[in-house]
Amino acid sequence: MPEYLIYFNQQWVGDHPEEWYGTRAPLAMAVVNEIKAAGEYLFAGGLEEDGPVFSADATSGTVLFTDGPYVETKEFLGGLTVVDVPDEERARMWAGKIAEACGWPQEVRRFGRVPQIEG
């Protein structure tokens, strides 16, 4: 089955009081549990806003690690869910439920096919 990434950028969340976020967590967890019960769950999680961020760049022939994101950007990934569903319609359904539960937009992208390597 195709796998889809459902994700949001942290900047899409907006400004809300701390109590508001507390009301959203149980709703989001209910959707994740629903995805699990349907057998379509692969992974879900939010990223730490203040956690370690570093980049690895091997374009020079030697791997160079630097603190911070690779490119300067105004948006960064806030969280994601990966589902294994039969079709796009099902991915849309889960994205809609996640968007309603979280209270902010979600973007959906299908993973490309993994190339078969002989060996």
PDB file of N, CA and C in Angstrom:
ATOM      1  N   MET A   1       0.846  -1.187   0.000  1.00  0.00           N
ATOM      2  CA  MET A   1       0.000   0.000   0.000  1.00  0.00           C
ATOM      3  C   MET A   1       0.884   1.241   0.000  1.00  0.00           C
ATOM      4  N   PRO A   2       0.372   2.330  -0.550  1.00  0.00           N
ATOM      5  CA  PRO A   2       1.153   3.574  -0.533  1.00  0.00           C
ATOM      6  C   PRO A   2       1.275   4.141   0.884  1.00  0.00           C
ATOM      7  N   GLU A   3       2.400   4.773   1.131  1.00  0.00           N
ATOM      8  CA  GLU A   3       2.640   5.435   2.409  1.00  0.00           C
ATOM      9  C   GLU A   3       2.581   6.937   2.195  1.00  0.00           C
ATOM     10  N   TYR A   4       1.948   7.638   3.112  1.00  0.00           N
ATOM     11  CA  TYR A   4       1.782   9.079   3.026  1.00  0.00           C
ATOM     12  C   TYR A   4       2.337   9.748   4.268  1.00  0.00           C
ATOM     13  N   LEU A   5       2.948  10.894   4.061  1.00  0.00           N
ATOM     14  CA  LEU A   5       3.433  11.742   5.136  1.00  0.00           C
ATOM     15  C   LEU A   5       2.411  12.850   5.335  1.00  0.00           C
ATOM     16  N   ILE A   6       1.922  12.988   6.545  1.00  0.00           N
ATOM     17  CA  ILE A   6       1.012  14.076   6.923  1.00  0.00           C
ATOM     18  C   ILE A   6       1.787  14.919   7.924  1.00  0.00           C
ATOM     19  N   TYR A   7       1.980  16.200   7.618  1.00  0.00           N
ATOM     20  CA  TYR A   7       2.857  16.994   8.471  1.00  0.00           C
ATOM     21  C   TYR A   7       2.410  18.445   8.537  1.00  0.00           C
ATOM     22  N   PHE A   8       3.017  19.163   9.490  1.00  0.00           N
ATOM     23  CA  PHE A   8       2.757  20.593   9.605  1.00  0.00           C
ATOM     24  C   PHE A   8       4.045  21.328   9.935  1.00  0.00           C
ATOM     25  N   ASN A   9       4.107  22.560   9.511  1.00  0.00           N
ATOM     26  CA  ASN A   9       5.199  23.440   9.908  1.00  0.00           C
ATOM     27  C   ASN A   9       4.800  24.120  11.204  1.00  0.00           C
ATOM     28  N   GLN A  10       5.737  24.309  12.094  1.00  0.00           N
ATOM     29  CA  GLN A  10       5.455  24.886  13.406  1.00  0.00           C
ATOM     30  C   GLN A  10       4.763  26.246  13.288  1.00  0.00           C
ATOM     31  N   GLN A  11       5.100  27.004  12.269  1.00  0.00           N
ATOM     32  CA  GLN A  11       4.545  28.343  12.117  1.00  0.00           C
ATOM     33  C   GLN A  11       3.058  28.325  11.768  1.00  0.00           C
ATOM     34  N   TRP A  12       2.526  27.184  11.308  1.00  0.00           N
ATOM     35  CA  TRP A  12       1.104  27.076  10.988  1.00  0.00           C
ATOM     36  C   TRP A  12       0.249  26.948  12.240  1.00  0.00           C
ATOM     37  N   VAL A  13       0.877  26.659  13.378  1.00  0.00           N
ATOM     38  CA  VAL A  13       0.159  26.412  14.615  1.00  0.00           C
ATOM     39  C   VAL A  13      -0.521  27.668  15.126  1.00  0.00           C
ATOM     40  N   GLY A  14       0.146  28.797  15.046  1.00  0.00           N
ATOM     41  CA  GLY A  14      -0.424  30.046  15.545  1.00  0.00           C
ATOM     42  C   GLY A  14      -0.170  30.215  17.032  1.00  0.00           C
ATOM     43  N   ASP A  15      -0.590  31.357  17.530  1.00  0.00           N
ATOM     44  CA  ASP A  15      -0.417  31.672  18.951  1.00  0.00           C
ATOM     45  C   ASP A  15      -1.688  31.312  19.704  1.00  0.00           C
ATOM     46  N   HIS A  16      -1.524  30.505  20.735  1.00  0.00           N
ATOM     47  CA  HIS A  16      -2.654  30.069  21.554  1.00  0.00           C
ATOM     48  C   HIS A  16      -2.207  30.014  23.003  1.00  0.00           C
ATOM     49  N   PRO A  17      -3.141  30.197  23.924  1.00  0.00           N
ATOM     50  CA  PRO A  17      -2.786  30.040  25.343  1.00  0.00           C
ATOM     51  C   PRO A  17      -2.433  28.586  25.646  1.00  0.00           C
ATOM     52  N   GLU A  18      -1.629  28.382  26.660  1.00  0.00           N
ATOM     53  CA  GLU A  18      -1.178  27.040  27.041  1.00  0.00           C
ATOM     54  C   GLU A  18      -2.352  26.095  27.286  1.00  0.00           C
ATOM     55  N   GLU A  19      -3.441  26.606  27.867  1.00  0.00           N
ATOM     56  CA  GLU A  19      -4.608  25.762  28.146  1.00  0.00           C
ATOM     57  C   GLU A  19      -5.194  25.200  26.852  1.00  0.00           C
ATOM     58  N   TRP A  20      -5.152  25.989  25.778  1.00  0.00           N
ATOM     59  CA  TRP A  20      -5.700  25.554  24.494  1.00  0.00           C
ATOM     60  C   TRP A  20      -4.963  24.317  23.996  1.00  0.00           C
ATOM     61  N   TYR A  21      -3.633  24.335  24.093  1.00  0.00           N
ATOM     62  CA  TYR A  21      -2.848  23.182  23.658  1.00  0.00           C
ATOM     63  C   TYR A  21      -3.214  21.937  24.467  1.00  0.00           C
ATOM     64  N   GLY A  22      -3.474  22.109  25.738  1.00  0.00           N
ATOM     65  CA  GLY A  22      -3.855  20.991  26.588  1.00  0.00           C
ATOM     66  C   GLY A  22      -5.154  20.339  26.144  1.00  0.00           C
ATOM     67  N   THR A  23      -6.040  21.112  25.550  1.00  0.00           N
ATOM     68  CA  THR A  23      -7.306  20.546  25.064  1.00  0.00           C
ATOM     69  C   THR A  23      -7.120  19.804  23.746  1.00  0.00           C
ATOM     70  N   ARG A  24      -6.064  20.113  22.993  1.00  0.00           N
ATOM     71  CA  ARG A  24      -5.845  19.505  21.682  1.00  0.00           C
ATOM     72  C   ARG A  24      -5.144  18.149  21.772  1.00  0.00           C
ATOM     73  N   ALA A  25      -4.265  17.984  22.752  1.00  0.00           N
ATOM     74  CA  ALA A  25      -3.482  16.742  22.861  1.00  0.00           C
ATOM     75  C   ALA A  25      -4.368  15.495  22.937  1.00  0.00           C
ATOM     76  N   PRO A  26      -5.409  15.460  23.780  1.00  0.00           N
ATOM     77  CA  PRO A  26      -6.245  14.254  23.822  1.00  0.00           C
ATOM     78  C   PRO A  26      -6.954  13.999  22.482  1.00  0.00           C
ATOM     79  N   LEU A  27      -7.344  15.058  21.790  1.00  0.00           N
ATOM     80  CA  LEU A  27      -8.002  14.903  20.492  1.00  0.00           C
ATOM     81  C   LEU A  27      -7.039  14.301  19.474  1.00  0.00           C
ATOM     82  N   ALA A  28      -5.800  14.805  19.453  1.00  0.00           N
ATOM     83  CA  ALA A  28      -4.794  14.295  18.524  1.00  0.00           C
ATOM     84  C   ALA A  28      -4.452  12.841  18.845  1.00  0.00           C
ATOM     85  N   MET A  29      -4.305  12.511  20.122  1.00  0.00           N
ATOM     86  CA  MET A  29      -3.991  11.131  20.503  1.00  0.00           C
ATOM     87  C   MET A  29      -5.133  10.186  20.141  1.00  0.00           C
ATOM     88  N   ALA A  30      -6.373  10.672  20.211  1.00  0.00           N
ATOM     89  CA  ALA A  30      -7.518   9.841  19.827  1.00  0.00           C
ATOM     90  C   ALA A  30      -7.443   9.487  18.347  1.00  0.00           C
ATOM     91  N   VAL A  31      -7.026  10.443  17.510  1.00  0.00           N
ATOM     92  CA  VAL A  31      -6.894  10.165  16.076  1.00  0.00           C
ATOM     93  C   VAL A  31      -5.755   9.179  15.840  1.00  0.00           C
ATOM     94  N   VAL A  32      -4.634   9.367  16.508  1.00  0.00           N
ATOM     95  CA  VAL A  32      -3.511   8.431  16.364  1.00  0.00           C
ATOM     96  C   VAL A  32      -3.958   7.021  16.770  1.00  0.00           C
ATOM     97  N   ASN A  33      -4.703   6.915  17.854  1.00  0.00           N
ATOM     98  CA  ASN A  33      -5.191   5.599  18.289  1.00  0.00           C
ATOM     99  C   ASN A  33      -6.166   5.009  17.270  1.00  0.00           C
ATOM    100  N   GLU A  34      -6.946   5.865  16.633  1.00  0.00           N
ATOM    101  CA  GLU A  34      -7.869   5.413  15.583  1.00  0.00           C
ATOM    102  C   GLU A  34      -7.097   4.888  14.367  1.00  0.00           C
ATOM    103  N   ILE A  35      -6.020   5.581  14.002  1.00  0.00           N
ATOM    104  CA  ILE A  35      -5.176   5.129  12.885  1.00  0.00           C
ATOM    105  C   ILE A  35      -4.554   3.772  13.230  1.00  0.00           C
ATOM    106  N   LYS A  36      -4.079   3.634  14.466  1.00  0.00           N
ATOM    107  CA  LYS A  36      -3.501   2.354  14.909  1.00  0.00           C
ATOM    108  C   LYS A  36      -4.537   1.239  14.838  1.00  0.00           C
ATOM    109  N   ALA A  37      -5.748   1.510  15.330  1.00  0.00           N
ATOM    110  CA  ALA A  37      -6.804   0.500  15.339  1.00  0.00           C
ATOM    111  C   ALA A  37      -7.175   0.068  13.920  1.00  0.00           C
ATOM    112  N   ALA A  38      -7.029   0.990  12.959  1.00  0.00           N
ATOM    113  CA  ALA A  38      -7.324   0.671  11.562  1.00  0.00           C
ATOM    114  C   ALA A  38      -6.182  -0.092  10.901  1.00  0.00           C
ATOM    115  N   GLY A  39      -5.051  -0.234  11.606  1.00  0.00           N
ATOM    116  CA  GLY A  39      -3.895  -0.941  11.047  1.00  0.00           C
ATOM    117  C   GLY A  39      -3.156  -0.137   9.999  1.00  0.00           C
ATOM    118  N   GLU A  40      -3.273   1.193  10.037  1.00  0.00           N
ATOM    119  CA  GLU A  40      -2.665   2.051   9.014  1.00  0.00           C
ATOM    120  C   GLU A  40      -1.591   2.971   9.585  1.00  0.00           C
ATOM    121  N   TYR A  41      -1.215   2.760  10.825  1.00  0.00           N
ATOM    122  CA  TYR A  41      -0.228   3.601  11.517  1.00  0.00           C
ATOM    123  C   TYR A  41       1.181   3.102  11.260  1.00  0.00           C
ATOM    124  N   LEU A  42       2.081   4.021  10.920  1.00  0.00           N
ATOM    125  CA  LEU A  42       3.506   3.700  10.855  1.00  0.00           C
ATOM    126  C   LEU A  42       4.295   4.505  11.881  1.00  0.00           C
ATOM    127  N   PHE A  43       3.977   5.806  12.016  1.00  0.00           N
ATOM    128  CA  PHE A  43       4.700   6.652  12.955  1.00  0.00           C
ATOM    129  C   PHE A  43       3.967   7.976  13.113  1.00  0.00           C
ATOM    130  N   ALA A  44       4.083   8.578  14.298  1.00  0.00           N
ATOM    131  CA  ALA A  44       3.590   9.938  14.531  1.00  0.00           C
ATOM    132  C   ALA A  44       4.417  10.557  15.637  1.00  0.00           C
ATOM    133  N   GLY A  45       4.676  11.848  15.542  1.00  0.00           N
ATOM    134  CA  GLY A  45       5.404  12.526  16.598  1.00  0.00           C
ATOM    135  C   GLY A  45       5.590  14.005  16.314  1.00  0.00           C
ATOM    136  N   GLY A  46       5.744  14.744  17.380  1.00  0.00           N
ATOM    137  CA  GLY A  46       6.054  16.171  17.279  1.00  0.00           C
ATOM    138  C   GLY A  46       7.534  16.371  17.547  1.00  0.00           C
ATOM    139  N   LEU A  47       8.096  17.368  16.909  1.00  0.00           N
ATOM    140  CA  LEU A  47       9.519  17.647  17.079  1.00  0.00           C
ATOM    141  C   LEU A  47       9.729  18.682  18.177  1.00  0.00           C
ATOM    142  N   GLU A  48      10.825  18.557  18.901  1.00  0.00           N
ATOM    143  CA  GLU A  48      11.160  19.525  19.944  1.00  0.00           C
ATOM    144  C   GLU A  48      11.562  20.842  19.297  1.00  0.00           C
ATOM    145  N   GLU A  49      10.908  21.898  19.720  1.00  0.00           N
ATOM    146  CA  GLU A  49      11.214  23.215  19.165  1.00  0.00           C
ATOM    147  C   GLU A  49      12.603  23.688  19.572  1.00  0.00           C
ATOM    148  N   ASP A  50      12.971  23.406  20.813  1.00  0.00           N
ATOM    149  CA  ASP A  50      14.251  23.891  21.330  1.00  0.00           C
ATOM    150  C   ASP A  50      15.296  22.792  21.433  1.00  0.00           C
ATOM    151  N   GLY A  51      15.010  21.634  20.858  1.00  0.00           N
ATOM    152  CA  GLY A  51      15.935  20.515  20.943  1.00  0.00           C
ATOM    153  C   GLY A  51      17.123  20.702  20.025  1.00  0.00           C
ATOM    154  N   PRO A  52      18.010  19.726  20.010  1.00  0.00           N
ATOM    155  CA  PRO A  52      19.186  19.847  19.144  1.00  0.00           C
ATOM    156  C   PRO A  52      18.784  19.842  17.670  1.00  0.00           C
ATOM    157  N   VAL A  53      19.390  20.738  16.913  1.00  0.00           N
ATOM    158  CA  VAL A  53      19.213  20.801  15.466  1.00  0.00           C
ATOM    159  C   VAL A  53      20.596  20.916  14.856  1.00  0.00           C
ATOM    160  N   PHE A  54      20.922  19.991  13.949  1.00  0.00           N
ATOM    161  CA  PHE A  54      22.206  20.079  13.263  1.00  0.00           C
ATOM    162  C   PHE A  54      22.056  19.530  11.871  1.00  0.00           C
ATOM    163  N   SER A  55      23.022  19.839  11.029  1.00  0.00           N
ATOM    164  CA  SER A  55      23.005  19.407   9.643  1.00  0.00           C
ATOM    165  C   SER A  55      24.263  18.609   9.334  1.00  0.00           C
ATOM    166  N   ALA A  56      24.126  17.690   8.379  1.00  0.00           N
ATOM    167  CA  ALA A  56      25.270  16.923   7.877  1.00  0.00           C
ATOM    168  C   ALA A  56      25.367  17.190   6.387  1.00  0.00           C
ATOM    169  N   ASP A  57      26.529  17.633   5.928  1.00  0.00           N
ATOM    170  CA  ASP A  57      26.740  17.978   4.519  1.00  0.00           C
ATOM    171  C   ASP A  57      27.986  17.253   4.015  1.00  0.00           C
ATOM    172  N   ALA A  58      27.800  16.403   3.002  1.00  0.00           N
ATOM    173  CA  ALA A  58      28.923  15.637   2.452  1.00  0.00           C
ATOM    174  C   ALA A  58      29.261  16.077   1.029  1.00  0.00           C
ATOM    175  N   THR A  59      28.767  17.227   0.594  1.00  0.00           N
ATOM    176  CA  THR A  59      28.992  17.653  -0.794  1.00  0.00           C
ATOM    177  C   THR A  59      30.450  17.975  -1.098  1.00  0.00           C
ATOM    178  N   SER A  60      31.257  18.247  -0.070  1.00  0.00           N
ATOM    179  CA  SER A  60      32.676  18.557  -0.295  1.00  0.00           C
ATOM    180  C   SER A  60      33.533  17.295  -0.355  1.00  0.00           C
ATOM    181  N   GLY A  61      32.939  16.139  -0.108  1.00  0.00           N
ATOM    182  CA  GLY A  61      33.693  14.897  -0.060  1.00  0.00           C
ATOM    183  C   GLY A  61      33.992  14.467   1.362  1.00  0.00           C
ATOM    184  N   THR A  62      33.858  15.365   2.302  1.00  0.00           N
ATOM    185  CA  THR A  62      34.026  15.080   3.719  1.00  0.00           C
ATOM    186  C   THR A  62      32.757  15.524   4.431  1.00  0.00           C
ATOM    187  N   VAL A  63      32.294  14.724   5.360  1.00  0.00           N
ATOM    188  CA  VAL A  63      31.073  15.099   6.071  1.00  0.00           C
ATOM    189  C   VAL A  63      31.371  16.228   7.049  1.00  0.00           C
ATOM    190  N   LEU A  64      30.592  17.301   6.932  1.00  0.00           N
ATOM    191  CA  LEU A  64      30.720  18.456   7.812  1.00  0.00           C
ATOM    192  C   LEU A  64      29.426  18.584   8.600  1.00  0.00           C
ATOM    193  N   PHE A  65      29.527  18.584   9.923  1.00  0.00           N
ATOM    194  CA  PHE A  65      28.370  18.764  10.787  1.00  0.00           C
ATOM    195  C   PHE A  65      28.355  20.206  11.266  1.00  0.00           C
ATOM    196  N   THR A  66      27.191  20.826  11.192  1.00  0.00           N
ATOM    197  CA  THR A  66      27.034  22.190  11.692  1.00  0.00           C
ATOM    198  C   THR A  66      25.787  22.268  12.540  1.00  0.00           C
ATOM    199  N   ASP A  67      25.834  23.124  13.551  1.00  0.00           N
ATOM    200  CA  ASP A  67      24.656  23.352  14.380  1.00  0.00           C
ATOM    201  C   ASP A  67      23.644  24.162  13.593  1.00  0.00           C
ATOM    202  N   GLY A  68      22.387  23.845  13.811  1.00  0.00           N
ATOM    203  CA  GLY A  68      21.307  24.581  13.172  1.00  0.00           C
ATOM    204  C   GLY A  68      20.879  23.938  11.869  1.00  0.00           C
ATOM    205  N   PRO A  69      19.769  24.430  11.328  1.00  0.00           N
ATOM    206  CA  PRO A  69      19.279  23.869  10.063  1.00  0.00           C
ATOM    207  C   PRO A  69      20.244  24.160   8.924  1.00  0.00           C
ATOM    208  N   TYR A  70      20.147  23.335   7.884  1.00  0.00           N
ATOM    209  CA  TYR A  70      21.029  23.471   6.723  1.00  0.00           C
ATOM    210  C   TYR A  70      20.844  24.819   6.032  1.00  0.00           C
ATOM    211  N   VAL A  71      19.604  25.250   5.881  1.00  0.00           N
ATOM    212  CA  VAL A  71      19.330  26.536   5.233  1.00  0.00           C
ATOM    213  C   VAL A  71      18.587  27.433   6.211  1.00  0.00           C
ATOM    214  N   GLU A  72      18.776  28.717   6.062  1.00  0.00           N
ATOM    215  CA  GLU A  72      18.011  29.667   6.864  1.00  0.00           C
ATOM    216  C   GLU A  72      16.578  29.660   6.343  1.00  0.00           C
ATOM    217  N   THR A  73      15.637  29.501   7.231  1.00  0.00           N
ATOM    218  CA  THR A  73      14.248  29.432   6.823  1.00  0.00           C
ATOM    219  C   THR A  73      13.347  30.029   7.889  1.00  0.00           C
ATOM    220  N   LYS A  74      12.197  30.500   7.462  1.00  0.00           N
ATOM    221  CA  LYS A  74      11.236  31.049   8.409  1.00  0.00           C
ATOM    222  C   LYS A  74      10.286  29.974   8.906  1.00  0.00           C
ATOM    223  N   GLU A  75      10.248  28.840   8.225  1.00  0.00           N
ATOM    224  CA  GLU A  75       9.382  27.749   8.627  1.00  0.00           C
ATOM    225  C   GLU A  75      10.213  26.501   8.906  1.00  0.00           C
ATOM    226  N   PHE A  76       9.747  25.702   9.857  1.00  0.00           N
ATOM    227  CA  PHE A  76      10.414  24.433  10.126  1.00  0.00           C
ATOM    228  C   PHE A  76       9.377  23.413  10.542  1.00  0.00           C
ATOM    229  N   LEU A  77       9.697  22.158  10.323  1.00  0.00           N
ATOM    230  CA  LEU A  77       8.794  21.059  10.598  1.00  0.00           C
ATOM    231  C   LEU A  77       8.451  21.009  12.077  1.00  0.00           C
ATOM    232  N   GLY A  78       7.164  20.874  12.367  1.00  0.00           N
ATOM    233  CA  GLY A  78       6.725  20.806  13.755  1.00  0.00           C
ATOM    234  C   GLY A  78       6.355  19.403  14.194  1.00  0.00           C
ATOM    235  N   GLY A  79       5.772  18.634  13.294  1.00  0.00           N
ATOM    236  CA  GLY A  79       5.378  17.274  13.638  1.00  0.00           C
ATOM    237  C   GLY A  79       4.911  16.534  12.415  1.00  0.00           C
ATOM    238  N   LEU A  80       4.786  15.216  12.538  1.00  0.00           N
ATOM    239  CA  LEU A  80       4.432  14.411  11.378  1.00  0.00           C
ATOM    240  C   LEU A  80       3.760  13.116  11.776  1.00  0.00           C
ATOM    241  N   THR A  81       3.033  12.576  10.816  1.00  0.00           N
ATOM    242  CA  THR A  81       2.408  11.263  10.933  1.00  0.00           C
ATOM    243  C   THR A  81       2.656  10.544   9.626  1.00  0.00           C
ATOM    244  N   VAL A  82       2.995   9.270   9.692  1.00  0.00           N
ATOM    245  CA  VAL A  82       3.171   8.466   8.488  1.00  0.00           C
ATOM    246  C   VAL A  82       2.135   7.358   8.533  1.00  0.00           C
ATOM    247  N   VAL A  83       1.334   7.260   7.455  1.00  0.00           N
ATOM    248  CA  VAL A  83       0.297   6.242   7.377  1.00  0.00           C
ATOM    249  C   VAL A  83       0.520   5.360   6.156  1.00  0.00           C
ATOM    250  N   ASP A  84       0.069   4.130   6.263  1.00  0.00           N
ATOM    251  CA  ASP A  84       0.149   3.147   5.182  1.00  0.00           C
ATOM    252  C   ASP A  84      -1.299   2.822   4.822  1.00  0.00           C
ATOM    253  N   VAL A  85      -1.792   3.432   3.751  1.00  0.00           N
ATOM    254  CA  VAL A  85      -3.209   3.369   3.402  1.00  0.00           C
ATOM    255  C   VAL A  85      -3.405   2.892   1.968  1.00  0.00           C
ATOM    256  N   PRO A  86      -4.602   2.416   1.622  1.00  0.00           N
ATOM    257  CA  PRO A  86      -4.814   1.879   0.282  1.00  0.00           C
ATOM    258  C   PRO A  86      -4.830   2.925  -0.825  1.00  0.00           C
ATOM    259  N   ASP A  87      -5.180   4.184  -0.474  1.00  0.00           N
ATOM    260  CA  ASP A  87      -5.318   5.177  -1.545  1.00  0.00           C
ATOM    261  C   ASP A  87      -5.284   6.605  -0.991  1.00  0.00           C
ATOM    262  N   GLU A  88      -5.276   7.540  -1.923  1.00  0.00           N
ATOM    263  CA  GLU A  88      -5.213   8.961  -1.564  1.00  0.00           C
ATOM    264  C   GLU A  88      -6.434   9.396  -0.760  1.00  0.00           C
ATOM    265  N   GLU A  89      -7.584   8.854  -1.086  1.00  0.00           N
ATOM    266  CA  GLU A  89      -8.804   9.215  -0.366  1.00  0.00           C
ATOM    267  C   GLU A  89      -8.670   8.939   1.124  1.00  0.00           C
ATOM    268  N   ARG A  90      -8.078   7.803   1.451  1.00  0.00           N
ATOM    269  CA  ARG A  90      -7.883   7.432   2.855  1.00  0.00           C
ATOM    270  C   ARG A  90      -6.860   8.363   3.521  1.00  0.00           C
ATOM    271  N   ALA A  91      -5.803   8.729   2.805  1.00  0.00           N
ATOM    272  CA  ALA A  91      -4.813   9.677   3.340  1.00  0.00           C
ATOM    273  C   ALA A  91      -5.469  11.028   3.613  1.00  0.00           C
ATOM    274  N   ARG A  92      -6.345  11.456   2.701  1.00  0.00           N
ATOM    275  CA  ARG A  92      -7.067  12.719   2.910  1.00  0.00           C
ATOM    276  C   ARG A  92      -7.934  12.661   4.171  1.00  0.00           C
ATOM    277  N   MET A  93      -8.597  11.533   4.362  1.00  0.00           N
ATOM    278  CA  MET A  93      -9.458  11.376   5.518  1.00  0.00           C
ATOM    279  C   MET A  93      -8.655  11.524   6.812  1.00  0.00           C
ATOM    280  N   TRP A  94      -7.497  10.832   6.890  1.00  0.00           N
ATOM    281  CA  TRP A  94      -6.677  10.933   8.104  1.00  0.00           C
ATOM    282  C   TRP A  94      -6.136  12.350   8.276  1.00  0.00           C
ATOM    283  N   ALA A  95      -5.699  12.984   7.195  1.00  0.00           N
ATOM    284  CA  ALA A  95      -5.191  14.360   7.294  1.00  0.00           C
ATOM    285  C   ALA A  95      -6.271  15.302   7.816  1.00  0.00           C
ATOM    286  N   GLY A  96      -7.503  15.113   7.350  1.00  0.00           N
ATOM    287  CA  GLY A  96      -8.604  15.947   7.829  1.00  0.00           C
ATOM    288  C   GLY A  96      -8.861  15.747   9.311  1.00  0.00           C
ATOM    289  N   LYS A  97      -8.829  14.507   9.756  1.00  0.00           N
ATOM    290  CA  LYS A  97      -9.049  14.231  11.182  1.00  0.00           C
ATOM    291  C   LYS A  97      -7.922  14.814  12.029  1.00  0.00           C
ATOM    292  N   ILE A  98      -6.692  14.705  11.548  1.00  0.00           N
ATOM    293  CA  ILE A  98      -5.557  15.265  12.285  1.00  0.00           C
ATOM    294  C   ILE A  98      -5.670  16.786  12.338  1.00  0.00           C
ATOM    295  N   ALA A  99      -6.019  17.414  11.211  1.00  0.00           N
ATOM    296  CA  ALA A  99      -6.164  18.876  11.173  1.00  0.00           C
ATOM    297  C   ALA A  99      -7.243  19.343  12.145  1.00  0.00           C
ATOM    298  N   GLU A 100      -8.369  18.638  12.189  1.00  0.00           N
ATOM    299  CA  GLU A 100      -9.437  19.005  13.117  1.00  0.00           C
ATOM    300  C   GLU A 100      -8.981  18.842  14.560  1.00  0.00           C
ATOM    301  N   ALA A 101      -8.303  17.734  14.854  1.00  0.00           N
ATOM    302  CA  ALA A 101      -7.866  17.469  16.230  1.00  0.00           C
ATOM    303  C   ALA A 101      -6.826  18.475  16.696  1.00  0.00           C
ATOM    304  N   CYS A 102      -5.850  18.763  15.829  1.00  0.00           N
ATOM    305  CA  CYS A 102      -4.768  19.678  16.214  1.00  0.00           C
ATOM    306  C   CYS A 102      -5.215  21.133  16.205  1.00  0.00           C
ATOM    307  N   GLY A 103      -6.065  21.482  15.259  1.00  0.00           N
ATOM    308  CA  GLY A 103      -6.511  22.868  15.161  1.00  0.00           C
ATOM    309  C   GLY A 103      -5.645  23.712  14.238  1.00  0.00           C
ATOM    310  N   TRP A 104      -4.831  23.079  13.403  1.00  0.00           N
ATOM    311  CA  TRP A 104      -4.030  23.799  12.422  1.00  0.00           C
ATOM    312  C   TRP A 104      -3.888  22.942  11.166  1.00  0.00           C
ATOM    313  N   PRO A 105      -3.479  23.562  10.042  1.00  0.00           N
ATOM    314  CA  PRO A 105      -3.411  22.838   8.766  1.00  0.00           C
ATOM    315  C   PRO A 105      -2.385  21.713   8.763  1.00  0.00           C
ATOM    316  N   GLN A 106      -2.612  20.768   7.876  1.00  0.00           N
ATOM    317  CA  GLN A 106      -1.701  19.645   7.649  1.00  0.00           C
ATOM    318  C   GLN A 106      -1.443  19.565   6.144  1.00  0.00           C
ATOM    319  N   GLU A 107      -0.262  19.178   5.768  1.00  0.00           N
ATOM    320  CA  GLU A 107       0.067  18.952   4.369  1.00  0.00           C
ATOM    321  C   GLU A 107       0.304  17.457   4.184  1.00  0.00           C
ATOM    322  N   VAL A 108      -0.027  16.950   3.001  1.00  0.00           N
ATOM    323  CA  VAL A 108       0.077  15.518   2.736  1.00  0.00           C
ATOM    324  C   VAL A 108       0.938  15.291   1.503  1.00  0.00           C
ATOM    325  N   ARG A 109       1.872  14.355   1.609  1.00  0.00           N
ATOM    326  CA  ARG A 109       2.723  13.969   0.480  1.00  0.00           C
ATOM    327  C   ARG A 109       2.876  12.469   0.478  1.00  0.00           C
ATOM    328  N   ARG A 110       2.829  11.898  -0.716  1.00  0.00           N
ATOM    329  CA  ARG A 110       3.012  10.456  -0.867  1.00  0.00           C
ATOM    330  C   ARG A 110       4.499  10.158  -0.990  1.00  0.00           C
ATOM    331  N   PHE A 111       4.949   9.100  -0.315  1.00  0.00           N
ATOM    332  CA  PHE A 111       6.333   8.668  -0.448  1.00  0.00           C
ATOM    333  C   PHE A 111       6.542   8.048  -1.825  1.00  0.00           C
ATOM    334  N   GLY A 112       7.714   8.277  -2.398  1.00  0.00           N
ATOM    335  CA  GLY A 112       8.060   7.656  -3.667  1.00  0.00           C
ATOM    336  C   GLY A 112       8.329   6.179  -3.483  1.00  0.00           C
ATOM    337  N   ARG A 113       8.306   5.488  -4.556  1.00  0.00           N
ATOM    338  CA  ARG A 113       8.577   4.058  -4.513  1.00  0.00           C
ATOM    339  C   ARG A 113      10.064   3.829  -4.199  1.00  0.00           C
ATOM    340  N   VAL A 114      10.338   2.823  -3.403  1.00  0.00           N
ATOM    341  CA  VAL A 114      11.715   2.462  -3.070  1.00  0.00           C
ATOM    342  C   VAL A 114      12.279   1.669  -4.234  1.00  0.00           C
ATOM    343  N   PRO A 115      13.418   2.088  -4.794  1.00  0.00           N
ATOM    344  CA  PRO A 115      14.000   1.353  -5.914  1.00  0.00           C
ATOM    345  C   PRO A 115      14.454  -0.042  -5.494  1.00  0.00           C
ATOM    346  N   GLN A 116      14.250  -0.999  -6.361  1.00  0.00           N
ATOM    347  CA  GLN A 116      14.690  -2.369  -6.104  1.00  0.00           C
ATOM    348  C   GLN A 116      16.136  -2.504  -6.522  1.00  0.00           C
ATOM    349  N   ILE A 117      16.996  -2.907  -5.599  1.00  0.00           N
ATOM    350  CA  ILE A 117      18.417  -3.057  -5.876  1.00  0.00           C
ATOM    351  C   ILE A 117      18.735  -4.550  -5.922  1.00  0.00           C
ATOM    352  N   GLU A 118      19.305  -4.958  -7.011  1.00  0.00           N
ATOM    353  CA  GLU A 118      19.683  -6.366  -7.130  1.00  0.00           C
ATOM    354  C   GLU A 118      20.982  -6.610  -6.362  1.00  0.00           C
ATOM    355  N   GLY A 119      21.083  -7.777  -5.796  1.00  0.00           N
ATOM    356  CA  GLY A 119      22.327  -8.034  -5.099  1.00  0.00           C
ATOM    357  C   GLY A 119      22.384  -9.242  -4.328  1.00  0.00           C
TER     358      GLY A 119
END
